Amino acid sequence: MINTPIPAQEDGGATILEIGQQPDAWREVAARPDERAAEFLRDVASRPDLRVILTGAGSSAFAGEIAAPALRRHLNRRVDAVATTDIVASPLDHLERHTPTLLVSFGRSGNSPESVATTELADELVDDVWHLILTCDRAGELGRRHGDRANSLVVYMPERTNDSGFAMTSSLTSMLLSALLLLGPAQPSDALALALAAEHVIDLQPDIRALAKSKKQRFVYLGSGPLEGLARESALKLLELTAGEVVTYFDSPLGFRHGPKSVLDGDTLVVVYVSTDPHTRRYDLDIIAEIRAQLGPDGVTVISAEPIPSELGHATVLPGLSGLNDSSVSLAYLVFAQYLALFTSLEYGKTPDNPFPAGEVSRVVRGVTIYPMGR
């Protein structure tokens, strides 16, 4: 069934509703145990030489970047996040014929040309390959192609997560949560804690809207490890919803000093996502102190799962996330990023449900020619 678009609102349209529905969507994802999926993945993951590739395009690729570190530690297997756009362009650089591979495809619609082509290339170029399709659209191409295959498992997200807005919000986080539950260390109780933290962010909408009212011209997002993937997704979200009018950048706190820090000026807002790992956290706190000394306290917004030292200034602390890894807390942090992008879009007079009314950029990518191998 094709998802029925959410009725538009005057302020924020379908996008604001789709952001706000995430806590309930996550609870629904966590409450749907799939014994068939568990058995399929248990058999595949038992292979000691298994390689896992997390793939998708755009935001779906960044979901893989966020999830990969947690899955790598949990599975004790090789786990690589590789975008479908990279695989399609250079398949022999990324696919290994003699390495048994589980290809995990993230796709809101499952209709992007690169997503379909990547699964075909894996079938062609890898001797032993299995597919896990995480998607939101039961009418999508990936789901249709892989639904009845013995070496494939299709897991559909709750129907409401097939976002009708331009930007991926509840679709992205639901697929990410599913990957962490199916393949990683996440438990249903973690999803419930994340839902409560997300509801805390929802309550912070007036504060996030006030932040957007500053109408900064540049936004920089910083995070380490999985949180760098989150920073990348955050930067894309704001770039998309402001139709490219606002300059965005992402990096790791350590990497940012090596040249990219040149982007900072008085019209820049820096968002730092603080790691839950005590070692990594030290570097996050150092960059907070450094940039606040340069831009002032209001030039840096800090999102953390626990309080930061008082001398570093204010941080938005999301409750109930103690003990969760950075891949998991990224889900709650993402809700903040989505609201900031949405409210900034509105401040710039954009239409977040469709920032490109003339069609320069589309919800599902069109116009891509897929070329066969060897021609």
Protein backbone atom coordinates (compact mmCIF):
# COMPACT_ATOMS: atom_id res chain seq x y z
CA MET A 1 0.00 0.00 0.00
CA ILE A 2 1.31 3.46 -0.87
CA ASN A 3 1.64 5.75 2.11
CA THR A 4 -1.12 8.35 2.39
CA PRO A 5 0.44 11.82 2.68
CA ILE A 6 0.01 13.52 6.03
CA PRO A 7 -2.22 16.60 5.75
CA ALA A 8 -0.17 19.77 5.53
CA GLN A 9 0.00 22.27 8.36
CA GLU A 10 0.35 25.99 7.91
CA ASP A 11 3.58 25.98 9.94
CA GLY A 12 5.91 23.11 9.13
CA GLY A 13 3.56 21.07 6.98
CA ALA A 14 3.85 17.31 7.01
CA THR A 15 7.51 17.55 8.01
CA ILE A 16 6.83 18.80 11.52
CA LEU A 17 4.30 16.02 12.06
CA GLU A 18 6.70 13.39 10.76
CA ILE A 19 9.42 14.60 13.11
CA GLY A 20 7.01 14.55 16.03
CA GLN A 21 5.74 11.03 15.35
CA GLN A 22 9.17 9.45 15.82
CA PRO A 23 8.86 8.39 19.47
CA ASP A 24 5.70 6.41 18.73
CA ALA A 25 7.20 5.00 15.53
CA TRP A 26 10.25 3.78 17.45
CA ARG A 27 8.06 2.12 20.05
CA GLU A 28 6.21 0.39 17.23
CA VAL A 29 9.46 -0.79 15.64
CA ALA A 30 10.68 -2.17 18.97
CA ALA A 31 7.38 -3.93 19.69
CA ARG A 32 7.41 -5.94 16.46
CA PRO A 33 9.69 -8.94 17.02
CA ASP A 34 10.36 -10.81 13.81
CA GLU A 35 11.34 -14.43 14.40
CA ARG A 36 11.91 -14.99 10.69
CA ALA A 37 14.34 -12.08 10.62
CA ALA A 38 16.13 -13.31 13.73
CA GLU A 39 16.58 -16.78 12.26
CA PHE A 40 17.70 -15.48 8.86
CA LEU A 41 20.28 -13.12 10.36
CA ARG A 42 21.49 -15.62 12.96
CA ASP A 43 22.33 -18.11 10.22
CA VAL A 44 24.06 -15.51 8.06
CA ALA A 45 26.00 -13.87 10.91
CA SER A 46 27.31 -17.23 12.13
CA ARG A 47 29.84 -17.22 9.29
CA PRO A 48 33.19 -16.10 10.75
CA ASP A 49 34.34 -14.67 7.40
CA LEU A 50 31.17 -12.63 6.85
CA ARG A 51 31.42 -9.04 5.70
CA VAL A 52 28.52 -6.66 6.28
CA ILE A 53 28.02 -3.70 3.95
CA LEU A 54 25.60 -0.97 5.04
CA THR A 55 24.45 0.93 1.99
CA GLY A 56 22.07 3.60 0.78
CA ALA A 57 22.15 7.00 -0.88
CA GLY A 58 22.15 10.38 0.83
CA SER A 59 20.57 10.16 4.28
CA SER A 60 20.23 6.40 3.89
CA ALA A 61 24.00 6.17 3.42
CA PHE A 62 24.56 8.21 6.55
CA ALA A 63 22.39 5.78 8.51
CA GLY A 64 25.01 3.19 7.67
CA GLU A 65 27.80 5.48 8.85
CA ILE A 66 26.03 5.96 12.17
CA ALA A 67 25.29 2.26 12.70
CA ALA A 68 28.55 0.70 11.50
CA PRO A 69 30.73 1.20 14.61
CA ALA A 70 28.16 -0.36 16.96
CA LEU A 71 27.54 -3.29 14.63
CA ARG A 72 31.26 -3.84 14.13
CA ARG A 73 31.84 -4.16 17.86
CA HIS A 74 28.78 -6.28 18.48
CA LEU A 75 29.16 -8.73 15.60
CA ASN A 76 32.95 -8.89 15.75
CA ARG A 77 32.80 -8.93 11.98
CA ARG A 78 33.95 -6.60 9.25
CA VAL A 79 31.25 -3.95 8.85
CA ASP A 80 31.66 -1.26 6.19
CA ALA A 81 29.40 1.68 5.40
CA VAL A 82 29.57 2.24 1.63
CA ALA A 83 27.12 4.45 -0.25
CA THR A 84 25.22 2.95 -3.17
CA THR A 85 26.47 5.86 -5.24
CA ASP A 86 30.06 4.72 -4.62
CA ILE A 87 29.30 1.06 -5.32
CA VAL A 88 27.50 1.81 -8.58
CA ALA A 89 30.27 4.11 -9.81
CA SER A 90 33.16 1.79 -8.84
CA PRO A 91 31.78 -1.65 -7.99
CA LEU A 92 35.10 -3.49 -8.14
CA ASP A 93 36.56 -1.12 -5.56
CA HIS A 94 33.91 -2.09 -3.02
CA LEU A 95 32.57 -5.59 -3.76
CA GLU A 96 34.75 -8.67 -3.20
CA ARG A 97 33.87 -11.82 -5.10
CA HIS A 98 35.26 -14.32 -2.60
CA THR A 99 34.10 -12.59 0.60
CA PRO A 100 30.68 -13.75 1.86
CA THR A 101 28.67 -10.55 2.19
CA LEU A 102 25.48 -9.40 3.84
CA LEU A 103 24.31 -6.30 1.98
CA VAL A 104 22.08 -4.17 4.20
CA SER A 105 20.16 -1.69 2.05
CA PHE A 106 18.48 1.36 3.62
CA GLY A 107 15.84 2.97 1.41
CA ARG A 108 12.77 5.02 2.27
CA SER A 109 11.03 4.20 -1.01
CA GLY A 110 13.39 1.55 -2.31
CA ASN A 111 13.02 3.15 -5.73
CA SER A 112 16.28 5.04 -6.16
CA PRO A 113 18.17 3.78 -9.24
CA GLU A 114 21.43 3.30 -7.34
CA SER A 115 19.80 1.22 -4.60
CA VAL A 116 18.32 -1.24 -7.08
CA ALA A 117 21.53 -1.35 -9.12
CA THR A 118 23.66 -2.02 -6.04
CA THR A 119 21.74 -5.18 -5.17
CA GLU A 120 22.07 -6.33 -8.78
CA LEU A 121 25.81 -5.68 -8.78
CA ALA A 122 26.23 -7.60 -5.53
CA ASP A 123 24.39 -10.56 -7.04
CA GLU A 124 26.62 -10.40 -10.10
CA LEU A 125 30.00 -9.81 -8.46
CA VAL A 126 29.88 -11.61 -5.08
CA ASP A 127 29.78 -15.41 -4.96
CA ASP A 128 27.92 -15.66 -1.63
CA VAL A 129 25.63 -12.72 -0.93
CA TRP A 130 22.59 -12.14 1.25
CA HIS A 131 20.35 -9.09 1.32
CA LEU A 132 18.65 -7.33 4.22
CA ILE A 133 16.30 -4.68 2.86
CA LEU A 134 15.13 -2.03 5.32
CA THR A 135 12.46 0.12 3.68
CA CYS A 136 9.28 2.06 4.36
CA ASP A 137 7.36 1.53 1.11
CA ARG A 138 5.60 -1.78 0.51
CA ALA A 139 5.14 -0.80 -3.13
CA GLY A 140 8.82 0.03 -3.59
CA GLU A 141 11.09 -1.65 -6.10
CA LEU A 142 13.55 -3.12 -3.58
CA GLY A 143 10.79 -4.75 -1.57
CA ARG A 144 9.13 -6.19 -4.66
CA ARG A 145 12.36 -7.60 -6.05
CA HIS A 146 13.56 -9.22 -2.85
CA GLY A 147 10.34 -10.24 -1.12
CA ASP A 148 10.33 -13.86 -2.29
CA ARG A 149 14.04 -14.57 -2.58
CA ALA A 150 15.64 -17.21 -0.36
CA ASN A 151 18.78 -15.14 0.14
CA SER A 152 16.90 -11.93 0.97
CA LEU A 153 14.95 -10.59 3.91
CA VAL A 154 12.73 -7.53 3.56
CA VAL A 155 11.80 -5.67 6.75
CA TYR A 156 9.19 -2.94 6.37
CA MET A 157 8.98 -0.01 8.73
CA PRO A 158 5.63 1.18 10.13
CA GLU A 159 3.56 2.54 7.25
CA ARG A 160 3.43 6.07 8.67
CA THR A 161 7.23 6.36 8.43
CA ASN A 162 7.12 6.54 4.63
CA ASP A 163 7.52 10.30 5.00
CA SER A 164 5.58 12.41 2.53
CA GLY A 165 7.80 15.41 3.24
CA PHE A 166 10.91 16.01 1.15
CA ALA A 167 13.40 15.26 3.91
CA MET A 168 13.86 11.86 5.48
CA THR A 169 12.95 12.10 9.16
CA SER A 170 10.95 9.26 10.73
CA SER A 171 11.87 6.99 7.81
CA LEU A 172 15.58 7.43 8.48
CA THR A 173 15.46 6.94 12.23
CA SER A 174 13.13 3.94 12.02
CA MET A 175 15.43 2.17 9.57
CA LEU A 176 18.47 3.01 11.70
CA LEU A 177 16.77 1.72 14.84
CA SER A 178 15.75 -1.47 13.04
CA ALA A 179 19.34 -2.11 11.97
CA LEU A 180 20.58 -1.64 15.53
CA LEU A 181 17.87 -3.95 16.90
CA LEU A 182 18.27 -6.66 14.26
CA LEU A 183 22.05 -6.73 13.95
CA GLY A 184 23.45 -4.83 16.87
CA PRO A 185 23.45 -4.45 20.60
CA ALA A 186 20.22 -2.43 20.86
CA GLN A 187 17.37 -3.86 22.92
CA PRO A 188 13.67 -2.90 22.90
CA SER A 189 14.24 -1.19 26.26
CA ASP A 190 16.82 1.05 24.57
CA ALA A 191 14.22 2.09 22.01
CA LEU A 192 11.84 3.05 24.80
CA ALA A 193 14.54 5.16 26.47
CA LEU A 194 15.32 6.84 23.16
CA ALA A 195 11.63 7.57 22.60
CA LEU A 196 11.44 9.34 25.96
CA ALA A 197 14.56 11.36 25.14
CA ALA A 198 13.04 12.31 21.78
CA GLU A 199 9.89 13.48 23.55
CA HIS A 200 12.12 15.71 25.66
CA VAL A 201 13.46 17.22 22.42
CA ILE A 202 9.90 17.71 21.17
CA ASP A 203 9.20 19.72 24.31
CA LEU A 204 12.21 21.91 23.46
CA GLN A 205 10.69 23.15 20.20
CA PRO A 206 10.33 26.77 21.43
CA ASP A 207 14.04 26.85 22.33
CA ILE A 208 15.08 25.33 19.00
CA ARG A 209 12.85 27.79 17.14
CA ALA A 210 14.50 30.65 19.03
CA LEU A 211 17.89 29.30 17.96
CA ALA A 212 16.74 29.27 14.33
CA LYS A 213 15.55 32.88 14.60
CA SER A 214 19.19 33.97 14.73
CA LYS A 215 19.20 33.26 10.96
CA LYS A 216 22.86 32.32 10.89
CA GLN A 217 24.39 32.07 7.43
CA ARG A 218 26.63 29.12 8.29
CA PHE A 219 26.00 25.98 10.32
CA VAL A 220 28.76 23.57 11.33
CA TYR A 221 28.05 20.16 12.90
CA LEU A 222 30.78 18.26 14.74
CA GLY A 223 30.83 14.72 16.09
CA SER A 224 33.24 11.81 16.50
CA GLY A 225 32.83 8.19 15.40
CA PRO A 226 29.14 7.45 14.77
CA LEU A 227 28.38 11.06 15.64
CA GLU A 228 30.34 12.22 12.59
CA GLY A 229 27.81 10.35 10.46
CA LEU A 230 25.14 12.15 12.48
CA ALA A 231 26.89 15.48 11.85
CA ARG A 232 26.90 14.73 8.13
CA GLU A 233 23.18 13.95 8.13
CA SER A 234 22.48 17.09 10.18
CA ALA A 235 24.35 19.25 7.68
CA LEU A 236 22.48 17.70 4.76
CA LYS A 237 19.11 18.14 6.46
CA LEU A 238 19.59 21.88 6.95
CA LEU A 239 21.09 22.32 3.49
CA GLU A 240 18.10 20.53 1.92
CA LEU A 241 15.37 22.30 3.85
CA THR A 242 16.85 25.77 3.25
CA ALA A 243 17.16 24.92 -0.47
CA GLY A 244 20.90 25.50 -0.30
CA GLU A 245 20.61 29.09 0.91
CA VAL A 246 22.46 28.32 4.15
CA VAL A 247 26.02 26.99 4.03
CA THR A 248 26.49 23.82 6.08
CA TYR A 249 29.56 21.81 7.01
CA PHE A 250 30.37 18.73 9.07
CA ASP A 251 33.51 17.20 10.53
CA SER A 252 34.96 15.51 13.59
CA PRO A 253 36.15 17.76 16.44
CA LEU A 254 39.77 16.75 15.83
CA GLY A 255 39.55 16.95 12.05
CA PHE A 256 37.91 20.38 12.14
CA ARG A 257 41.11 22.06 13.33
CA HIS A 258 43.05 20.89 10.28
CA GLY A 259 41.88 23.57 7.88
CA PRO A 260 38.06 23.40 7.93
CA LYS A 261 37.94 25.65 10.99
CA SER A 262 38.54 28.44 8.48
CA VAL A 263 34.79 28.43 7.83
CA LEU A 264 34.07 30.05 11.21
CA ASP A 265 32.96 33.66 11.34
CA GLY A 266 30.61 35.74 13.44
CA ASP A 267 27.61 34.49 11.47
CA THR A 268 28.27 30.79 12.19
CA LEU A 269 26.47 28.44 14.56
CA VAL A 270 28.42 25.34 15.59
CA VAL A 271 26.56 22.29 16.90
CA VAL A 272 28.69 19.80 18.84
CA TYR A 273 27.34 16.32 19.51
CA VAL A 274 29.04 15.04 22.66
CA SER A 275 30.06 11.38 22.75
CA THR A 276 29.00 8.98 25.49
CA ASP A 277 32.47 7.41 25.36
CA PRO A 278 34.62 8.93 28.16
CA HIS A 279 37.77 8.96 26.03
CA THR A 280 36.16 10.51 22.96
CA ARG A 281 34.22 12.97 25.10
CA ARG A 282 37.45 14.73 26.13
CA TYR A 283 38.04 15.87 22.57
CA ASP A 284 34.46 17.08 22.26
CA LEU A 285 34.79 19.18 25.40
CA ASP A 286 38.07 20.67 24.17
CA ILE A 287 36.54 21.85 20.89
CA ILE A 288 33.55 23.32 22.75
CA ALA A 289 35.88 25.41 24.93
CA GLU A 290 38.00 26.45 21.96
CA ILE A 291 35.18 27.57 19.69
CA ARG A 292 33.21 29.27 22.46
CA ALA A 293 36.34 31.28 23.24
CA GLN A 294 36.40 32.35 19.58
CA LEU A 295 32.69 32.86 18.81
CA GLY A 296 31.26 33.47 22.27
CA PRO A 297 28.93 31.21 24.26
CA ASP A 298 26.03 31.62 21.84
CA GLY A 299 28.13 30.52 18.88
CA VAL A 300 28.13 26.89 20.00
CA THR A 301 25.14 24.64 20.74
CA VAL A 302 25.97 21.47 22.66
CA ILE A 303 23.86 18.29 22.61
CA SER A 304 24.83 15.69 25.19
CA ALA A 305 23.55 12.64 27.03
CA GLU A 306 25.00 13.90 30.30
CA PRO A 307 25.98 17.28 31.77
CA ILE A 308 29.23 18.93 30.70
CA PRO A 309 31.53 20.83 33.11
CA SER A 310 29.90 24.08 34.19
CA GLU A 311 32.88 26.18 33.10
CA LEU A 312 32.18 25.19 29.49
CA GLY A 313 28.74 26.77 29.54
CA HIS A 314 25.29 25.52 28.64
CA ALA A 315 24.47 22.16 27.09
CA THR A 316 21.16 20.63 26.06
CA VAL A 317 21.17 17.36 28.00
CA LEU A 318 18.87 14.57 26.86
CA PRO A 319 17.78 12.43 29.82
CA GLY A 320 17.70 8.67 30.23
CA LEU A 321 20.45 7.75 27.77
CA SER A 322 23.04 6.53 30.26
CA GLY A 323 24.71 3.33 29.10
CA LEU A 324 23.74 3.68 25.43
CA ASN A 325 26.39 3.84 22.72
CA ASP A 326 26.83 6.73 20.31
CA SER A 327 25.11 4.91 17.44
CA SER A 328 21.98 4.62 19.57
CA VAL A 329 21.97 8.11 21.10
CA SER A 330 22.27 9.48 17.56
CA LEU A 331 18.57 8.71 17.14
CA ALA A 332 17.57 11.20 19.83
CA TYR A 333 20.19 13.73 18.75
CA LEU A 334 18.77 13.53 15.21
CA VAL A 335 15.40 14.82 16.36
CA PHE A 336 17.11 18.02 17.50
CA ALA A 337 18.87 18.33 14.13
CA GLN A 338 15.60 17.84 12.25
CA TYR A 339 13.77 20.53 14.21
CA LEU A 340 16.66 22.96 13.79
CA ALA A 341 16.65 22.38 10.03
CA LEU A 342 12.87 22.74 9.84
CA PHE A 343 12.67 25.96 11.85
CA THR A 344 15.64 27.47 9.99
CA SER A 345 13.89 26.63 6.73
CA LEU A 346 10.79 28.49 7.90
CA GLU A 347 12.86 31.49 9.04
CA TYR A 348 14.28 31.71 5.53
CA GLY A 349 10.80 31.59 4.03
CA LYS A 350 11.15 28.14 2.50
CA THR A 351 8.55 25.39 2.14
CA PRO A 352 10.05 22.44 4.03
CA ASP A 353 7.69 19.82 2.61
CA ASN A 354 9.04 20.73 -0.83
CA PRO A 355 12.01 23.12 -0.71
CA PHE A 356 12.43 22.88 -4.49
CA PRO A 357 9.01 23.62 -6.04
CA ALA A 358 10.57 23.81 -9.51
CA GLY A 359 11.92 20.28 -9.12
CA GLU A 360 15.67 21.03 -9.18
CA VAL A 361 16.07 18.39 -6.45
CA SER A 362 13.46 15.66 -6.03
CA ARG A 363 12.32 13.46 -3.14
CA VAL A 364 13.30 10.32 -5.07
CA VAL A 365 16.28 10.84 -7.37
CA ARG A 366 15.47 10.75 -11.08
CA GLY A 367 17.47 10.96 -14.27
CA VAL A 368 20.28 8.57 -13.30
CA THR A 369 21.54 6.33 -16.09
CA ILE A 370 22.81 2.97 -14.80
CA TYR A 371 25.46 1.46 -17.05
CA PRO A 372 26.08 -2.29 -17.22
CA MET A 373 29.47 -3.64 -16.22
CA GLY A 374 32.09 -4.04 -18.92
CA ARG A 375 30.50 -1.81 -21.54
